[in-house]
Amino acid sequence: QVQLVESGGGLVQSGGSLRLSCAASGFTFSNYFMSWYRQAPGKKRELVALIRSAGSSTNYADSVKGRFTISRDNAKNTVYLQMNSLKPEETAVYYCNAVGLPAWGQGTQVTVSS
């Protein structure tokens, strides 16, 4: 059974930083691209960042380039999202996903105050 457990969210002031973690189980983590999405109230879920299975290549939404960094530790079955210079409009629930697997965790709430 695929499980994804996100953590690390919280309340931060505009310009602050947070590091999200996603612990994965139930599948061969190192074989999958991993991604982070976010969903703000009343908006569609959007892709934030993607990392390939070996961690050798990453992609980012234009809105977060230069501020967010996705990384992974295949030995720990964990993917991370380092978020710097956060903006109030980035308040959302953040989710991780194994690309190609129809499974989502409960997400972690990130609230950025102005």
Protein backbone atom coordinates (compact mmCIF):
# COMPACT_ATOMS: atom_id res chain seq x y z
CA GLN A 1 0.00 0.00 0.00
CA VAL A 2 1.46 3.31 -1.10
CA GLN A 3 1.82 5.81 1.73
CA LEU A 4 3.03 9.39 1.57
CA VAL A 5 3.35 11.38 4.77
CA GLU A 6 4.12 15.07 4.47
CA SER A 7 5.44 17.16 7.34
CA GLY A 8 7.23 20.40 8.08
CA GLY A 9 4.54 22.93 7.32
CA GLY A 10 3.59 25.75 9.62
CA LEU A 11 3.12 29.48 10.00
CA VAL A 12 5.92 31.69 8.73
CA GLN A 13 6.27 35.38 8.00
CA SER A 14 6.66 36.70 4.49
CA GLY A 15 10.27 36.22 3.42
CA GLY A 16 10.76 33.30 5.74
CA SER A 17 11.75 29.71 5.06
CA LEU A 18 10.39 26.23 5.64
CA ARG A 19 11.61 22.75 4.80
CA LEU A 20 8.99 20.18 3.96
CA SER A 21 9.55 16.44 4.12
CA CYS A 22 7.64 13.55 2.60
CA ALA A 23 8.23 10.03 3.84
CA ALA A 24 7.23 7.37 1.33
CA SER A 25 6.53 3.67 1.69
CA GLY A 26 4.80 0.84 -0.11
CA PHE A 27 6.67 1.16 -3.40
CA THR A 28 10.24 1.20 -4.70
CA PHE A 29 10.95 4.85 -4.01
CA SER A 30 14.21 5.02 -5.93
CA ASN A 31 12.46 3.99 -9.16
CA TYR A 32 10.07 6.93 -9.22
CA PHE A 33 10.21 10.59 -10.07
CA MET A 34 8.82 12.55 -7.13
CA SER A 35 6.96 15.81 -7.13
CA TRP A 36 5.56 18.47 -4.84
CA TYR A 37 2.21 20.09 -5.50
CA ARG A 38 0.27 22.75 -3.67
CA GLN A 39 -3.37 23.71 -3.47
CA ALA A 40 -4.56 27.05 -2.21
CA PRO A 41 -8.17 27.56 -1.08
CA GLY A 42 -10.49 27.72 -4.07
CA LYS A 43 -7.71 26.97 -6.54
CA LYS A 44 -6.58 23.95 -8.51
CA ARG A 45 -3.72 21.81 -7.32
CA GLU A 46 -0.54 22.96 -9.08
CA LEU A 47 2.83 21.36 -9.67
CA VAL A 48 5.62 23.10 -7.77
CA ALA A 49 8.69 20.93 -8.32
CA LEU A 50 9.80 17.60 -9.75
CA ILE A 51 12.88 15.49 -9.19
CA ARG A 52 13.98 12.51 -11.21
CA SER A 53 14.53 9.11 -9.64
CA ALA A 54 18.29 9.44 -9.16
CA GLY A 55 17.97 13.06 -8.13
CA SER A 56 20.13 14.15 -11.02
CA SER A 57 17.65 16.56 -12.53
CA THR A 58 14.94 18.85 -11.24
CA ASN A 59 12.20 21.06 -12.63
CA TYR A 60 10.34 23.94 -11.04
CA ALA A 61 7.30 26.07 -11.64
CA ASP A 62 8.39 29.48 -12.89
CA SER A 63 6.92 31.12 -9.82
CA VAL A 64 9.30 29.31 -7.44
CA LYS A 65 12.51 29.10 -9.45
CA GLY A 66 15.48 30.35 -7.51
CA ARG A 67 13.64 30.16 -4.18
CA PHE A 68 12.58 26.51 -3.78
CA THR A 69 14.80 23.45 -3.93
CA ILE A 70 13.58 19.88 -4.24
CA SER A 71 15.85 17.07 -3.13
CA ARG A 72 15.61 13.42 -2.17
CA ASP A 73 17.32 10.79 -0.08
CA ASN A 74 16.69 7.42 -1.65
CA ALA A 75 18.23 5.64 1.35
CA LYS A 76 15.55 7.21 3.57
CA ASN A 77 12.69 7.07 1.04
CA THR A 78 12.18 10.76 1.60
CA VAL A 79 11.75 13.79 -0.63
CA TYR A 80 12.23 17.35 0.60
CA LEU A 81 11.21 20.82 -0.44
CA GLN A 82 13.27 23.72 0.85
CA MET A 83 11.27 26.91 0.49
CA ASN A 84 12.92 30.30 0.89
CA SER A 85 11.63 33.86 0.52
CA LEU A 86 8.07 32.69 0.98
CA LYS A 87 5.21 34.92 -0.11
CA PRO A 88 1.70 35.22 1.34
CA GLU A 89 0.18 33.99 -1.92
CA GLU A 90 2.02 30.70 -1.41
CA THR A 91 -0.22 29.84 1.49
CA ALA A 92 -1.56 26.40 0.60
CA VAL A 93 -1.61 22.75 1.47
CA TYR A 94 1.51 21.12 0.06
CA TYR A 95 1.45 17.52 -1.15
CA CYS A 96 4.03 15.12 -2.46
CA ASN A 97 3.35 12.57 -5.17
CA ALA A 98 5.15 9.70 -6.83
CA VAL A 99 4.76 10.40 -10.53
CA GLY A 100 2.49 7.78 -12.06
CA LEU A 101 1.05 6.52 -8.79
CA PRO A 102 -2.51 7.60 -7.90
CA ALA A 103 -1.76 8.21 -4.26
CA TRP A 104 -1.69 11.35 -2.16
CA GLY A 105 -0.86 12.02 1.44
CA GLN A 106 -2.80 14.25 3.77
CA GLY A 107 -0.64 17.23 2.88
CA THR A 108 0.99 19.77 5.14
CA GLN A 109 -0.37 23.28 5.63
CA VAL A 110 1.91 26.21 4.87
CA THR A 111 0.68 29.61 5.93
CA VAL A 112 2.67 32.71 5.06
CA SER A 113 1.67 35.87 6.88
CA SER A 114 2.23 39.32 5.45
